[in-house]
């Protein structure tokens, strides 16, 4: 398994998970296969966001270990976005990417997801995210997290040069934060 540890973008993230790009690809494929014609990448990214927030608050970790950045249209899982866009540094060691991005930014899978790469709770969270996002328009998807305190905290102070969202700010109950800080870097995602 490939695991990537991020260095922060001008700020320290309270929760540092190890990113698993192979699992990110399977999560992207899981969402992209929800519709025969594929799913646009914005809806995929928002589904992953909602799944991560749900999973973090329910199970104490996010699905793939990705970092979130504040962008003009809301929070975005940074590395998953780079993979979808095919950025060379993001996909260099991943081999052939099992999807293509076609017209209207549709992510079209070349194969089904490898379900053994996703835990039961991962699939539960992805289903939760998909059910919330599947029928929403671009503007409705943007609005879903545009007012979230984790996003607003960074977006309103973007002039500081940092666009990294602190994953801990997605937690609804901070009582377990100290324990999660210790466990997160060691979790096998």
Foldseek 3Di string as FASTA:
>chain_A
DDWAWDDAQPDDFLFQATFDLLQLLLLQLQQQVPDQQGAAPLLSFLLLVQLQLVCCQPPNGRFGRFWWFQDPLGIGRPLSVCVLVVPCVSCVPVPDRQWHQDPPRGTHGNDHRPCVSGDPSSVVSSVVSCVVRVPDDSNRSSVVGVPQPQNCVCVVVCVVVHGTGRSCSSHPDCPCSVVSSVCRHVDDD
